């Protein structure tokens, strides 16, 4: 498939949402009495655009973009870490603020990367398989169904790796459930937007990919 600028835009938005979410996640916000990371503003959008990638272009191209997002995020983390190591100029007195806001604890990094890979690939896999089962009908069942699985894995893996041993399991369970429900609800509310973008891309690209013969191994990025 020849790449179009529309594909590049969708992939760019996907990766941008991922990077921004990881930067602003350090801030906790209160919404309706729920304490959530500020990343909730934009992270679910990466799942919406992941759905769009898989629905229109297929699992093969979504797989490549998922890995591209992973390595872009890794590059951002390395750049921020190196920036923190370099000596601050005498006229700049905000080194501590830089470290507090942009510094990453190794445990949280592992949690974030593991949750991202498992959640995104599960989301793309489920959507691609459901598209075949439904014969391309009922897009909403695929976008919401795949998000239930993907965001469920993402929230569970991240919270267990990041916080196991620091909080009672009952508290961790509430955190997992809260994050999962909020992210899934975000996807459901955004369904009309997803329909509009998917419909536009299918018309303009003249493509509607079904992964009948796709190898779903997440590591076959060259195929």
N, C-alpha and C. Protein backbone atom coordinates (compact mmCIF):
# COMPACT_ATOMS: atom_id res chain seq x y z
N UNK A 1 0.84 -1.19 0.00
CA UNK A 1 0.00 0.00 0.00
C UNK A 1 0.87 1.24 0.00
N UNK A 2 0.62 2.15 -0.92
CA UNK A 2 1.35 3.41 -0.95
C UNK A 2 0.83 4.31 0.17
N UNK A 3 1.75 4.87 0.92
CA UNK A 3 1.36 5.72 2.04
C UNK A 3 0.84 7.07 1.54
N UNK A 4 -0.21 7.55 2.16
CA UNK A 4 -0.74 8.87 1.85
C UNK A 4 -0.46 9.81 3.01
N UNK A 5 -0.63 11.09 2.78
CA UNK A 5 -0.43 12.05 3.86
C UNK A 5 -1.46 11.85 4.96
N UNK A 6 -2.62 11.29 4.62
CA UNK A 6 -3.65 11.04 5.64
C UNK A 6 -3.18 9.99 6.64
N UNK A 7 -2.54 8.95 6.13
CA UNK A 7 -1.98 7.94 7.03
C UNK A 7 -0.94 8.56 7.95
N UNK A 8 -0.09 9.41 7.41
CA UNK A 8 0.95 10.06 8.21
C UNK A 8 0.32 10.93 9.30
N UNK A 9 -0.76 11.63 8.96
CA UNK A 9 -1.45 12.47 9.95
C UNK A 9 -2.00 11.62 11.08
N UNK A 10 -2.67 10.52 10.74
CA UNK A 10 -3.25 9.65 11.77
C UNK A 10 -2.14 9.07 12.66
N UNK A 11 -1.06 8.59 12.04
CA UNK A 11 0.05 8.05 12.81
C UNK A 11 0.69 9.13 13.68
N UNK A 12 0.81 10.35 13.14
CA UNK A 12 1.40 11.45 13.89
C UNK A 12 0.57 11.82 15.11
N UNK A 13 -0.75 11.85 14.96
CA UNK A 13 -1.62 12.16 16.09
C UNK A 13 -1.52 11.07 17.15
N UNK A 14 -1.50 9.82 16.71
CA UNK A 14 -1.38 8.68 17.62
C UNK A 14 -0.13 8.82 18.48
N UNK A 15 1.01 9.06 17.85
CA UNK A 15 2.29 9.13 18.57
C UNK A 15 2.36 10.38 19.44
N UNK A 16 1.84 11.50 18.95
CA UNK A 16 1.84 12.74 19.73
C UNK A 16 1.04 12.57 21.01
N UNK A 17 -0.13 11.94 20.91
CA UNK A 17 -0.95 11.71 22.10
C UNK A 17 -0.21 10.86 23.12
N UNK A 18 0.49 9.85 22.63
CA UNK A 18 1.26 8.98 23.53
C UNK A 18 2.34 9.77 24.26
N UNK A 19 3.12 10.56 23.52
CA UNK A 19 4.22 11.31 24.12
C UNK A 19 3.71 12.35 25.12
N UNK A 20 2.68 13.09 24.72
CA UNK A 20 2.13 14.12 25.60
C UNK A 20 1.56 13.49 26.88
N UNK A 21 0.87 12.36 26.73
CA UNK A 21 0.30 11.68 27.89
C UNK A 21 1.37 11.30 28.89
N UNK A 22 2.49 10.79 28.41
CA UNK A 22 3.55 10.36 29.32
C UNK A 22 4.21 11.55 30.02
N UNK A 23 4.20 12.71 29.40
CA UNK A 23 4.81 13.89 30.02
C UNK A 23 3.89 14.49 31.08
N UNK A 24 2.59 14.59 30.78
CA UNK A 24 1.67 15.27 31.71
C UNK A 24 1.10 14.32 32.76
N UNK A 25 1.42 13.03 32.66
CA UNK A 25 0.87 12.05 33.61
C UNK A 25 1.33 12.30 35.04
N UNK A 26 2.40 13.09 35.20
CA UNK A 26 2.94 13.34 36.55
C UNK A 26 1.95 14.12 37.41
N UNK A 27 1.06 14.90 36.77
CA UNK A 27 0.09 15.68 37.53
C UNK A 27 -1.18 14.86 37.77
N UNK A 28 -1.65 14.90 39.01
CA UNK A 28 -2.91 14.25 39.35
C UNK A 28 -4.01 15.30 39.38
N UNK A 29 -5.15 14.96 38.78
CA UNK A 29 -6.28 15.88 38.73
C UNK A 29 -7.48 15.23 39.41
N UNK A 30 -8.44 16.06 39.79
CA UNK A 30 -9.66 15.57 40.42
C UNK A 30 -10.84 15.87 39.51
N UNK A 31 -11.52 14.82 39.08
CA UNK A 31 -12.68 14.96 38.19
C UNK A 31 -13.86 14.22 38.82
N UNK A 32 -14.85 14.99 39.24
CA UNK A 32 -16.02 14.36 39.84
C UNK A 32 -15.70 13.54 41.07
N UNK A 33 -14.68 13.96 41.80
CA UNK A 33 -14.29 13.23 43.00
C UNK A 33 -13.30 12.11 42.74
N UNK A 34 -13.00 11.83 41.46
CA UNK A 34 -12.03 10.80 41.11
C UNK A 34 -10.66 11.43 40.93
N UNK A 35 -9.65 10.79 41.47
CA UNK A 35 -8.27 11.24 41.29
C UNK A 35 -7.66 10.48 40.13
N UNK A 36 -7.27 11.21 39.09
CA UNK A 36 -6.76 10.60 37.87
C UNK A 36 -5.52 11.34 37.41
N UNK A 37 -4.64 10.68 36.65
CA UNK A 37 -3.50 11.40 36.07
C UNK A 37 -3.99 12.34 34.97
N UNK A 38 -3.30 13.46 34.80
CA UNK A 38 -3.69 14.42 33.76
C UNK A 38 -3.63 13.80 32.37
N UNK A 39 -2.94 12.69 32.23
CA UNK A 39 -2.84 12.00 30.94
C UNK A 39 -4.20 11.54 30.43
N UNK A 40 -5.18 11.47 31.32
CA UNK A 40 -6.51 11.03 30.91
C UNK A 40 -7.10 11.96 29.86
N UNK A 41 -6.58 13.19 29.79
CA UNK A 41 -7.06 14.16 28.80
C UNK A 41 -6.81 13.67 27.39
N UNK A 42 -5.64 13.04 27.17
CA UNK A 42 -5.20 12.76 25.81
C UNK A 42 -4.85 11.30 25.55
N UNK A 43 -4.52 10.53 26.58
CA UNK A 43 -4.10 9.14 26.33
C UNK A 43 -5.17 8.30 25.64
N UNK A 44 -6.45 8.39 26.06
CA UNK A 44 -7.46 7.60 25.34
C UNK A 44 -7.56 7.94 23.86
N UNK A 45 -7.15 9.16 23.49
CA UNK A 45 -7.18 9.53 22.07
C UNK A 45 -6.23 8.65 21.27
N UNK A 46 -5.13 8.21 21.89
CA UNK A 46 -4.21 7.31 21.17
C UNK A 46 -4.92 5.99 20.85
N UNK A 47 -5.81 5.54 21.72
CA UNK A 47 -6.57 4.32 21.43
C UNK A 47 -7.57 4.56 20.32
N UNK A 48 -8.19 5.73 20.32
CA UNK A 48 -9.14 6.05 19.25
C UNK A 48 -8.43 6.03 17.89
N UNK A 49 -7.26 6.66 17.82
CA UNK A 49 -6.53 6.67 16.56
C UNK A 49 -5.89 5.32 16.26
N UNK A 50 -5.60 4.54 17.29
CA UNK A 50 -5.18 3.16 17.05
C UNK A 50 -6.29 2.35 16.41
N UNK A 51 -7.53 2.57 16.87
CA UNK A 51 -8.69 1.92 16.25
C UNK A 51 -8.83 2.34 14.79
N UNK A 52 -8.66 3.62 14.54
CA UNK A 52 -8.78 4.14 13.17
C UNK A 52 -7.73 3.51 12.26
N UNK A 53 -6.50 3.41 12.75
CA UNK A 53 -5.43 2.79 11.96
C UNK A 53 -5.77 1.36 11.59
N UNK A 54 -6.20 0.58 12.57
CA UNK A 54 -6.50 -0.83 12.31
C UNK A 54 -7.72 -0.99 11.43
N UNK A 55 -8.76 -0.22 11.68
CA UNK A 55 -10.01 -0.33 10.92
C UNK A 55 -9.80 0.02 9.45
N UNK A 56 -9.03 1.05 9.19
CA UNK A 56 -8.87 1.51 7.80
C UNK A 56 -7.70 0.83 7.11
N UNK A 57 -6.53 0.82 7.76
CA UNK A 57 -5.30 0.37 7.11
C UNK A 57 -4.90 -1.06 7.46
N UNK A 58 -5.52 -1.63 8.49
CA UNK A 58 -5.23 -3.01 8.85
C UNK A 58 -4.19 -3.15 9.94
N UNK A 59 -4.15 -4.37 10.48
CA UNK A 59 -3.26 -4.67 11.62
C UNK A 59 -1.79 -4.50 11.25
N UNK A 60 -1.41 -4.84 10.02
CA UNK A 60 0.01 -4.76 9.64
C UNK A 60 0.55 -3.35 9.82
N UNK A 61 -0.21 -2.35 9.34
CA UNK A 61 0.26 -0.98 9.45
C UNK A 61 0.10 -0.45 10.86
N UNK A 62 -0.95 -0.87 11.55
CA UNK A 62 -1.10 -0.47 12.95
C UNK A 62 0.07 -0.99 13.78
N UNK A 63 0.49 -2.23 13.50
CA UNK A 63 1.63 -2.82 14.22
C UNK A 63 2.88 -1.97 14.06
N UNK A 64 3.13 -1.48 12.87
CA UNK A 64 4.32 -0.66 12.63
C UNK A 64 4.23 0.67 13.39
N UNK A 65 3.05 1.25 13.40
CA UNK A 65 2.89 2.53 14.09
C UNK A 65 3.00 2.35 15.60
N UNK A 66 2.49 1.25 16.11
CA UNK A 66 2.61 0.97 17.55
C UNK A 66 4.08 0.89 17.95
N UNK A 67 4.88 0.18 17.16
CA UNK A 67 6.31 0.08 17.48
C UNK A 67 7.02 1.41 17.27
N UNK A 68 6.60 2.16 16.26
CA UNK A 68 7.18 3.49 16.07
C UNK A 68 6.89 4.36 17.29
N UNK A 69 5.68 4.29 17.81
CA UNK A 69 5.33 5.04 19.01
C UNK A 69 6.17 4.62 20.20
N UNK A 70 6.43 3.33 20.30
CA UNK A 70 7.26 2.82 21.40
C UNK A 70 8.66 3.42 21.34
N UNK A 71 9.27 3.39 20.16
CA UNK A 71 10.64 3.88 20.05
C UNK A 71 10.70 5.41 20.12
N UNK A 72 9.67 6.11 19.65
CA UNK A 72 9.62 7.56 19.83
C UNK A 72 9.53 7.92 21.31
N UNK A 73 8.74 7.16 22.03
CA UNK A 73 8.62 7.39 23.47
C UNK A 73 9.95 7.12 24.17
N UNK A 74 10.62 6.05 23.76
CA UNK A 74 11.92 5.73 24.33
C UNK A 74 12.93 6.84 24.06
N UNK A 75 12.91 7.37 22.84
CA UNK A 75 13.80 8.47 22.49
C UNK A 75 13.50 9.70 23.35
N UNK A 76 12.22 9.99 23.56
CA UNK A 76 11.85 11.14 24.40
C UNK A 76 12.34 10.96 25.83
N UNK A 77 12.18 9.76 26.36
CA UNK A 77 12.63 9.48 27.72
C UNK A 77 14.14 9.65 27.84
N UNK A 78 14.89 9.12 26.87
CA UNK A 78 16.35 9.24 26.89
C UNK A 78 16.78 10.71 26.80
N UNK A 79 16.12 11.48 25.93
CA UNK A 79 16.46 12.89 25.78
C UNK A 79 16.20 13.66 27.07
N UNK A 80 15.06 13.39 27.70
CA UNK A 80 14.73 14.06 28.97
C UNK A 80 15.72 13.67 30.06
N UNK A 81 16.09 12.39 30.09
CA UNK A 81 17.05 11.91 31.10
C UNK A 81 18.43 12.55 30.90
N UNK A 82 18.89 12.61 29.64
CA UNK A 82 20.17 13.24 29.37
C UNK A 82 20.13 14.74 29.69
N UNK A 83 19.01 15.37 29.37
CA UNK A 83 18.86 16.79 29.70
C UNK A 83 18.97 17.04 31.19
N UNK A 84 18.46 16.10 31.98
CA UNK A 84 18.56 16.23 33.43
C UNK A 84 19.96 16.02 33.95
N UNK A 85 20.75 15.19 33.27
CA UNK A 85 22.12 14.91 33.71
C UNK A 85 23.08 16.06 33.41
N UNK A 86 22.84 16.76 32.32
CA UNK A 86 23.75 17.85 31.94
C UNK A 86 23.73 18.95 33.00
N UNK A 87 24.89 19.54 33.27
CA UNK A 87 24.94 20.58 34.31
C UNK A 87 24.12 21.81 33.91
N UNK A 88 23.39 22.33 34.89
CA UNK A 88 22.55 23.51 34.65
C UNK A 88 23.42 24.75 34.54
N UNK A 89 23.01 25.69 33.70
CA UNK A 89 23.70 26.97 33.58
C UNK A 89 23.54 27.75 34.89
N UNK A 90 24.54 28.51 35.27
CA UNK A 90 24.46 29.27 36.53
C UNK A 90 23.25 30.19 36.62
N UNK A 91 22.79 30.67 35.47
CA UNK A 91 21.66 31.62 35.48
C UNK A 91 20.31 30.92 35.55
N UNK A 92 20.32 29.57 35.51
CA UNK A 92 19.06 28.81 35.50
C UNK A 92 18.93 28.06 36.82
N UNK A 93 17.94 28.40 37.61
CA UNK A 93 17.83 27.81 38.94
C UNK A 93 16.69 26.84 39.10
N UNK A 94 16.25 26.23 38.03
CA UNK A 94 15.07 25.35 38.10
C UNK A 94 15.39 23.87 37.89
N UNK A 95 16.61 23.45 38.22
CA UNK A 95 16.98 22.05 38.04
C UNK A 95 16.09 21.12 38.85
N UNK A 96 15.78 21.50 40.07
CA UNK A 96 14.95 20.65 40.91
C UNK A 96 13.55 20.49 40.32
N UNK A 97 13.01 21.59 39.80
CA UNK A 97 11.68 21.52 39.18
C UNK A 97 11.71 20.61 37.96
N UNK A 98 12.77 20.70 37.16
CA UNK A 98 12.94 19.85 35.98
C UNK A 98 12.92 18.38 36.40
N UNK A 99 13.69 18.07 37.45
CA UNK A 99 13.80 16.68 37.90
C UNK A 99 12.47 16.17 38.44
N UNK A 100 11.76 17.02 39.20
CA UNK A 100 10.50 16.59 39.79
C UNK A 100 9.45 16.32 38.72
N UNK A 101 9.35 17.22 37.74
CA UNK A 101 8.30 17.11 36.74
C UNK A 101 8.64 16.12 35.63
N UNK A 102 9.87 16.17 35.15
CA UNK A 102 10.24 15.35 33.99
C UNK A 102 11.03 14.11 34.33
N UNK A 103 11.47 13.98 35.58
CA UNK A 103 12.23 12.79 35.95
C UNK A 103 11.33 11.56 35.99
N UNK A 104 11.86 10.44 35.54
CA UNK A 104 11.09 9.19 35.51
C UNK A 104 11.70 8.18 36.47
N UNK A 105 10.87 7.61 37.34
CA UNK A 105 11.33 6.50 38.17
C UNK A 105 11.41 5.25 37.29
N UNK A 106 12.49 4.47 37.41
CA UNK A 106 12.64 3.28 36.55
C UNK A 106 11.43 2.35 36.60
N UNK A 107 10.86 2.18 37.78
CA UNK A 107 9.71 1.28 37.91
C UNK A 107 8.52 1.78 37.11
N UNK A 108 8.29 3.08 37.15
CA UNK A 108 7.17 3.65 36.39
C UNK A 108 7.42 3.55 34.89
N UNK A 109 8.67 3.67 34.47
CA UNK A 109 8.99 3.54 33.05
C UNK A 109 8.68 2.13 32.56
N UNK A 110 9.13 1.13 33.32
CA UNK A 110 8.86 -0.26 32.94
C UNK A 110 7.35 -0.50 32.88
N UNK A 111 6.63 0.01 33.87
CA UNK A 111 5.17 -0.15 33.89
C UNK A 111 4.53 0.50 32.68
N UNK A 112 4.97 1.70 32.35
CA UNK A 112 4.39 2.44 31.22
C UNK A 112 4.64 1.72 29.90
N UNK A 113 5.87 1.30 29.66
CA UNK A 113 6.20 0.64 28.40
C UNK A 113 5.49 -0.70 28.26
N UNK A 114 5.48 -1.49 29.33
CA UNK A 114 4.82 -2.79 29.27
C UNK A 114 3.33 -2.65 29.04
N UNK A 115 2.70 -1.71 29.75
CA UNK A 115 1.26 -1.50 29.60
C UNK A 115 0.92 -1.02 28.20
N UNK A 116 1.74 -0.13 27.66
CA UNK A 116 1.50 0.40 26.32
C UNK A 116 1.53 -0.71 25.27
N UNK A 117 2.60 -1.52 25.28
CA UNK A 117 2.75 -2.56 24.26
C UNK A 117 1.62 -3.58 24.36
N UNK A 118 1.35 -4.08 25.55
CA UNK A 118 0.31 -5.10 25.70
C UNK A 118 -1.07 -4.52 25.37
N UNK A 119 -1.36 -3.33 25.87
CA UNK A 119 -2.67 -2.74 25.65
C UNK A 119 -2.94 -2.40 24.20
N UNK A 120 -1.97 -1.78 23.53
CA UNK A 120 -2.17 -1.37 22.14
C UNK A 120 -2.29 -2.57 21.20
N UNK A 121 -1.43 -3.56 21.40
CA UNK A 121 -1.51 -4.73 20.51
C UNK A 121 -2.78 -5.53 20.75
N UNK A 122 -3.21 -5.64 22.00
CA UNK A 122 -4.48 -6.32 22.28
C UNK A 122 -5.63 -5.57 21.64
N UNK A 123 -5.61 -4.24 21.74
CA UNK A 123 -6.66 -3.41 21.15
C UNK A 123 -6.73 -3.63 19.64
N UNK A 124 -5.58 -3.58 18.97
CA UNK A 124 -5.55 -3.74 17.51
C UNK A 124 -5.95 -5.14 17.09
N UNK A 125 -5.48 -6.15 17.82
CA UNK A 125 -5.80 -7.55 17.50
C UNK A 125 -7.30 -7.81 17.60
N UNK A 126 -7.89 -7.38 18.72
CA UNK A 126 -9.32 -7.62 18.95
C UNK A 126 -10.15 -6.92 17.88
N UNK A 127 -9.80 -5.67 17.55
CA UNK A 127 -10.57 -4.95 16.54
C UNK A 127 -10.48 -5.63 15.18
N UNK A 128 -9.27 -6.05 14.80
CA UNK A 128 -9.10 -6.71 13.49
C UNK A 128 -9.89 -8.00 13.42
N UNK A 129 -9.87 -8.78 14.49
CA UNK A 129 -10.60 -10.05 14.51
C UNK A 129 -12.11 -9.82 14.52
N UNK A 130 -12.56 -8.83 15.28
CA UNK A 130 -13.99 -8.54 15.32
C UNK A 130 -14.50 -8.02 13.99
N UNK A 131 -13.65 -7.31 13.25
CA UNK A 131 -14.06 -6.81 11.95
C UNK A 131 -14.37 -7.97 11.00
N UNK A 132 -13.55 -9.01 11.07
CA UNK A 132 -13.79 -10.19 10.24
C UNK A 132 -15.08 -10.89 10.68
N UNK A 133 -15.23 -11.06 12.00
CA UNK A 133 -16.41 -11.74 12.52
C UNK A 133 -17.71 -11.00 12.19
N UNK A 134 -17.67 -9.69 12.24
CA UNK A 134 -18.88 -8.89 11.99
C UNK A 134 -19.04 -8.52 10.52
N UNK A 135 -18.08 -8.95 9.69
CA UNK A 135 -18.09 -8.63 8.26
C UNK A 135 -18.13 -7.12 8.01
N UNK A 136 -17.44 -6.40 8.86
CA UNK A 136 -17.33 -4.96 8.68
C UNK A 136 -18.51 -4.15 9.18
N UNK A 137 -19.49 -4.82 9.77
CA UNK A 137 -20.66 -4.10 10.29
C UNK A 137 -20.43 -3.69 11.74
N UNK A 138 -21.25 -2.79 12.24
CA UNK A 138 -21.29 -2.43 13.66
C UNK A 138 -19.91 -1.98 14.17
N UNK A 139 -19.39 -0.94 13.56
CA UNK A 139 -18.08 -0.43 13.94
C UNK A 139 -18.01 -0.14 15.44
N UNK A 140 -19.08 0.36 16.02
CA UNK A 140 -19.06 0.72 17.44
C UNK A 140 -18.75 -0.47 18.33
N UNK A 141 -19.20 -1.68 17.92
CA UNK A 141 -18.90 -2.86 18.75
C UNK A 141 -17.41 -3.15 18.75
N UNK A 142 -16.75 -2.86 17.63
CA UNK A 142 -15.31 -3.14 17.53
C UNK A 142 -14.49 -2.11 18.30
N UNK A 143 -14.85 -0.83 18.13
CA UNK A 143 -14.06 0.20 18.80
C UNK A 143 -14.20 0.11 20.32
N UNK A 144 -15.42 -0.10 20.79
CA UNK A 144 -15.63 -0.18 22.24
C UNK A 144 -15.15 -1.52 22.78
N UNK A 145 -15.44 -2.61 22.05
CA UNK A 145 -15.01 -3.93 22.51
C UNK A 145 -13.49 -4.05 22.60
N UNK A 146 -12.79 -3.54 21.59
CA UNK A 146 -11.32 -3.61 21.61
C UNK A 146 -10.75 -2.72 22.71
N UNK A 147 -11.41 -1.59 22.97
CA UNK A 147 -10.95 -0.71 24.04
C UNK A 147 -11.15 -1.34 25.41
N UNK A 148 -12.25 -2.04 25.60
CA UNK A 148 -12.48 -2.73 26.86
C UNK A 148 -11.33 -3.68 27.17
N UNK A 149 -10.89 -4.42 26.14
CA UNK A 149 -9.78 -5.36 26.34
C UNK A 149 -8.45 -4.62 26.48
N UNK A 150 -8.17 -3.72 25.53
CA UNK A 150 -6.88 -3.03 25.52
C UNK A 150 -6.67 -2.15 26.74
N UNK A 151 -7.66 -1.33 27.06
CA UNK A 151 -7.53 -0.44 28.21
C UNK A 151 -7.56 -1.23 29.51
N UNK A 152 -8.29 -2.34 29.52
CA UNK A 152 -8.28 -3.19 30.71
C UNK A 152 -6.89 -3.73 30.98
N UNK A 153 -6.23 -4.22 29.94
CA UNK A 153 -4.86 -4.71 30.09
C UNK A 153 -3.91 -3.58 30.46
N UNK A 154 -4.05 -2.45 29.78
CA UNK A 154 -3.18 -1.31 30.04
C UNK A 154 -3.26 -0.88 31.50
N UNK A 155 -4.47 -0.68 32.00
CA UNK A 155 -4.65 -0.22 33.37
C UNK A 155 -4.15 -1.25 34.38
N UNK A 156 -4.46 -2.52 34.13
CA UNK A 156 -4.07 -3.57 35.06
C UNK A 156 -2.56 -3.73 35.13
N UNK A 157 -1.93 -3.83 33.97
CA UNK A 157 -0.48 -4.04 33.93
C UNK A 157 0.26 -2.84 34.53
N UNK A 158 -0.15 -1.64 34.15
CA UNK A 158 0.54 -0.45 34.66
C UNK A 158 0.45 -0.35 36.17
N UNK A 159 -0.74 -0.49 36.72
CA UNK A 159 -0.91 -0.29 38.15
C UNK A 159 -0.23 -1.39 38.96
N UNK A 160 -0.28 -2.63 38.47
CA UNK A 160 0.39 -3.72 39.19
C UNK A 160 1.90 -3.51 39.22
N UNK A 161 2.49 -3.24 38.05
CA UNK A 161 3.95 -3.06 38.00
C UNK A 161 4.38 -1.81 38.76
N UNK A 162 3.61 -0.73 38.62
CA UNK A 162 4.01 0.55 39.21
C UNK A 162 3.78 0.61 40.72
N UNK A 163 2.71 -0.04 41.22
CA UNK A 163 2.32 0.21 42.61
C UNK A 163 2.19 -1.02 43.49
N UNK A 164 2.37 -2.22 42.95
CA UNK A 164 2.27 -3.43 43.79
C UNK A 164 3.26 -3.35 44.94
N UNK A 165 2.78 -3.61 46.14
CA UNK A 165 3.63 -3.55 47.32
C UNK A 165 3.64 -2.20 48.00
N UNK A 166 3.09 -1.18 47.34
CA UNK A 166 3.06 0.16 47.94
C UNK A 166 1.68 0.51 48.47
N UNK A 167 0.65 -0.20 47.98
CA UNK A 167 -0.72 0.04 48.40
C UNK A 167 -1.41 -1.30 48.61
N UNK A 168 -2.44 -1.36 49.47
CA UNK A 168 -3.21 -2.61 49.61
C UNK A 168 -3.84 -3.00 48.28
N UNK A 169 -4.02 -4.31 48.09
CA UNK A 169 -4.58 -4.78 46.82
C UNK A 169 -6.00 -4.26 46.58
N UNK A 170 -6.73 -4.02 47.66
CA UNK A 170 -8.08 -3.47 47.49
C UNK A 170 -8.02 -2.08 46.85
N UNK A 171 -7.05 -1.27 47.27
CA UNK A 171 -6.88 0.06 46.69
C UNK A 171 -6.44 -0.05 45.23
N UNK A 172 -5.51 -0.96 44.96
CA UNK A 172 -5.05 -1.15 43.58
C UNK A 172 -6.20 -1.60 42.69
N UNK A 173 -7.06 -2.45 43.22
CA UNK A 173 -8.21 -2.91 42.44
C UNK A 173 -9.14 -1.77 42.09
N UNK A 174 -9.37 -0.87 43.03
CA UNK A 174 -10.22 0.31 42.78
C UNK A 174 -9.57 1.21 41.73
N UNK A 175 -8.25 1.38 41.82
CA UNK A 175 -7.53 2.20 40.84
C UNK A 175 -7.66 1.61 39.44
N UNK A 176 -7.48 0.29 39.33
CA UNK A 176 -7.59 -0.37 38.02
C UNK A 176 -8.99 -0.18 37.45
N UNK A 177 -9.99 -0.43 38.27
CA UNK A 177 -11.38 -0.35 37.80
C UNK A 177 -11.73 1.08 37.38
N UNK A 178 -11.30 2.05 38.18
CA UNK A 178 -11.60 3.45 37.88
C UNK A 178 -10.97 3.87 36.56
N UNK A 179 -9.68 3.58 36.39
CA UNK A 179 -8.99 3.96 35.16
C UNK A 179 -9.63 3.27 33.96
N UNK A 180 -9.94 2.00 34.09
CA UNK A 180 -10.53 1.22 33.00
C UNK A 180 -11.89 1.79 32.58
N UNK A 181 -12.74 2.08 33.55
CA UNK A 181 -14.07 2.59 33.24
C UNK A 181 -14.02 3.98 32.62
N UNK A 182 -13.15 4.84 33.15
CA UNK A 182 -13.07 6.20 32.61
C UNK A 182 -12.56 6.18 31.17
N UNK A 183 -11.51 5.40 30.90
CA UNK A 183 -10.94 5.33 29.56
C UNK A 183 -11.92 4.71 28.57
N UNK A 184 -12.62 3.67 29.00
CA UNK A 184 -13.60 3.03 28.13
C UNK A 184 -14.77 3.97 27.86
N UNK A 185 -15.20 4.70 28.88
CA UNK A 185 -16.26 5.67 28.69
C UNK A 185 -15.87 6.77 27.72
N UNK A 186 -14.62 7.19 27.79
CA UNK A 186 -14.07 8.19 26.87
C UNK A 186 -14.23 7.69 25.43
N UNK A 187 -13.86 6.43 25.19
CA UNK A 187 -13.97 5.84 23.85
C UNK A 187 -15.42 5.81 23.39
N UNK A 188 -16.32 5.43 24.28
CA UNK A 188 -17.74 5.34 23.91
C UNK A 188 -18.29 6.72 23.52
N UNK A 189 -17.94 7.74 24.29
CA UNK A 189 -18.41 9.09 23.99
C UNK A 189 -17.86 9.59 22.66
N UNK A 190 -16.64 9.15 22.33
CA UNK A 190 -15.98 9.60 21.10
C UNK A 190 -16.40 8.80 19.87
N UNK A 191 -17.34 7.87 20.02
CA UNK A 191 -17.74 7.00 18.90
C UNK A 191 -18.18 7.79 17.66
N UNK A 192 -19.00 8.84 17.78
CA UNK A 192 -19.36 9.60 16.56
C UNK A 192 -18.15 10.18 15.83
N UNK A 193 -17.16 10.65 16.59
CA UNK A 193 -15.93 11.17 15.99
C UNK A 193 -15.20 10.06 15.25
N UNK A 194 -15.11 8.87 15.86
CA UNK A 194 -14.44 7.74 15.22
C UNK A 194 -15.13 7.36 13.92
N UNK A 195 -16.46 7.31 13.94
CA UNK A 195 -17.23 7.01 12.74
C UNK A 195 -16.93 8.01 11.63
N UNK A 196 -16.89 9.29 12.00
CA UNK A 196 -16.68 10.33 11.00
C UNK A 196 -15.29 10.21 10.36
N UNK A 197 -14.27 10.00 11.17
CA UNK A 197 -12.90 9.90 10.64
C UNK A 197 -12.73 8.64 9.82
N UNK A 198 -13.23 7.52 10.30
CA UNK A 198 -13.12 6.26 9.57
C UNK A 198 -13.83 6.37 8.22
N UNK A 199 -15.04 6.92 8.22
CA UNK A 199 -15.79 7.07 6.97
C UNK A 199 -15.06 7.96 5.98
N UNK A 200 -14.52 9.07 6.47
CA UNK A 200 -13.77 9.99 5.61
C UNK A 200 -12.55 9.30 5.00
N UNK A 201 -11.78 8.61 5.82
CA UNK A 201 -10.55 7.97 5.32
C UNK A 201 -10.86 6.85 4.32
N UNK A 202 -11.88 6.07 4.59
CA UNK A 202 -12.22 4.98 3.67
C UNK A 202 -12.65 5.54 2.31
N UNK A 203 -13.36 6.65 2.31
CA UNK A 203 -13.77 7.25 1.04
C UNK A 203 -12.57 7.85 0.31
N UNK A 204 -11.76 8.60 1.01
CA UNK A 204 -10.63 9.29 0.37
C UNK A 204 -9.52 8.33 -0.03
N UNK A 205 -9.26 7.33 0.79
CA UNK A 205 -8.18 6.38 0.50
C UNK A 205 -8.66 5.25 -0.41
N UNK A 206 -9.98 5.10 -0.53
CA UNK A 206 -10.56 3.99 -1.30
C UNK A 206 -10.01 2.66 -0.79
N UNK A 207 -10.06 2.48 0.53
CA UNK A 207 -9.49 1.29 1.15
C UNK A 207 -10.35 0.91 2.35
N UNK A 208 -10.47 -0.38 2.58
CA UNK A 208 -11.16 -0.91 3.75
C UNK A 208 -10.56 -2.28 4.03
N UNK A 209 -9.54 -2.33 4.85
CA UNK A 209 -8.71 -3.51 5.01
C UNK A 209 -9.33 -4.55 5.94
N UNK A 210 -9.29 -5.81 5.49
CA UNK A 210 -9.68 -6.94 6.32
C UNK A 210 -8.44 -7.84 6.49
N UNK A 211 -8.15 -8.23 7.72
CA UNK A 211 -6.94 -8.99 8.01
C UNK A 211 -7.19 -10.50 7.94
N UNK A 212 -7.65 -10.97 6.77
CA UNK A 212 -7.95 -12.39 6.63
C UNK A 212 -6.70 -13.26 6.71
N UNK A 213 -5.63 -12.84 6.06
CA UNK A 213 -4.42 -13.67 5.98
C UNK A 213 -3.26 -13.05 6.75
N UNK A 214 -3.57 -12.23 7.72
CA UNK A 214 -2.53 -11.52 8.47
C UNK A 214 -1.90 -12.41 9.53
N UNK A 215 -0.58 -12.34 9.63
CA UNK A 215 0.12 -12.96 10.75
C UNK A 215 0.11 -11.95 11.89
N UNK A 216 -0.51 -12.28 13.00
CA UNK A 216 -0.70 -11.32 14.08
C UNK A 216 0.46 -11.30 15.08
N UNK A 217 1.56 -11.93 14.74
CA UNK A 217 2.74 -11.84 15.58
C UNK A 217 3.14 -10.36 15.70
N UNK A 218 3.18 -9.80 16.90
CA UNK A 218 3.46 -8.36 17.03
C UNK A 218 4.87 -7.96 16.64
N UNK A 219 5.78 -8.93 16.47
CA UNK A 219 7.17 -8.61 16.20
C UNK A 219 7.52 -8.66 14.71
N UNK A 220 6.56 -8.99 13.85
CA UNK A 220 6.83 -9.05 12.40
C UNK A 220 6.58 -7.68 11.78
N UNK A 221 7.38 -6.71 12.14
CA UNK A 221 7.10 -5.34 11.71
C UNK A 221 7.42 -5.12 10.23
N UNK A 222 8.19 -6.01 9.61
CA UNK A 222 8.56 -5.81 8.20
C UNK A 222 7.56 -6.43 7.25
N UNK A 223 6.49 -7.05 7.75
CA UNK A 223 5.55 -7.75 6.88
C UNK A 223 4.14 -7.22 7.07
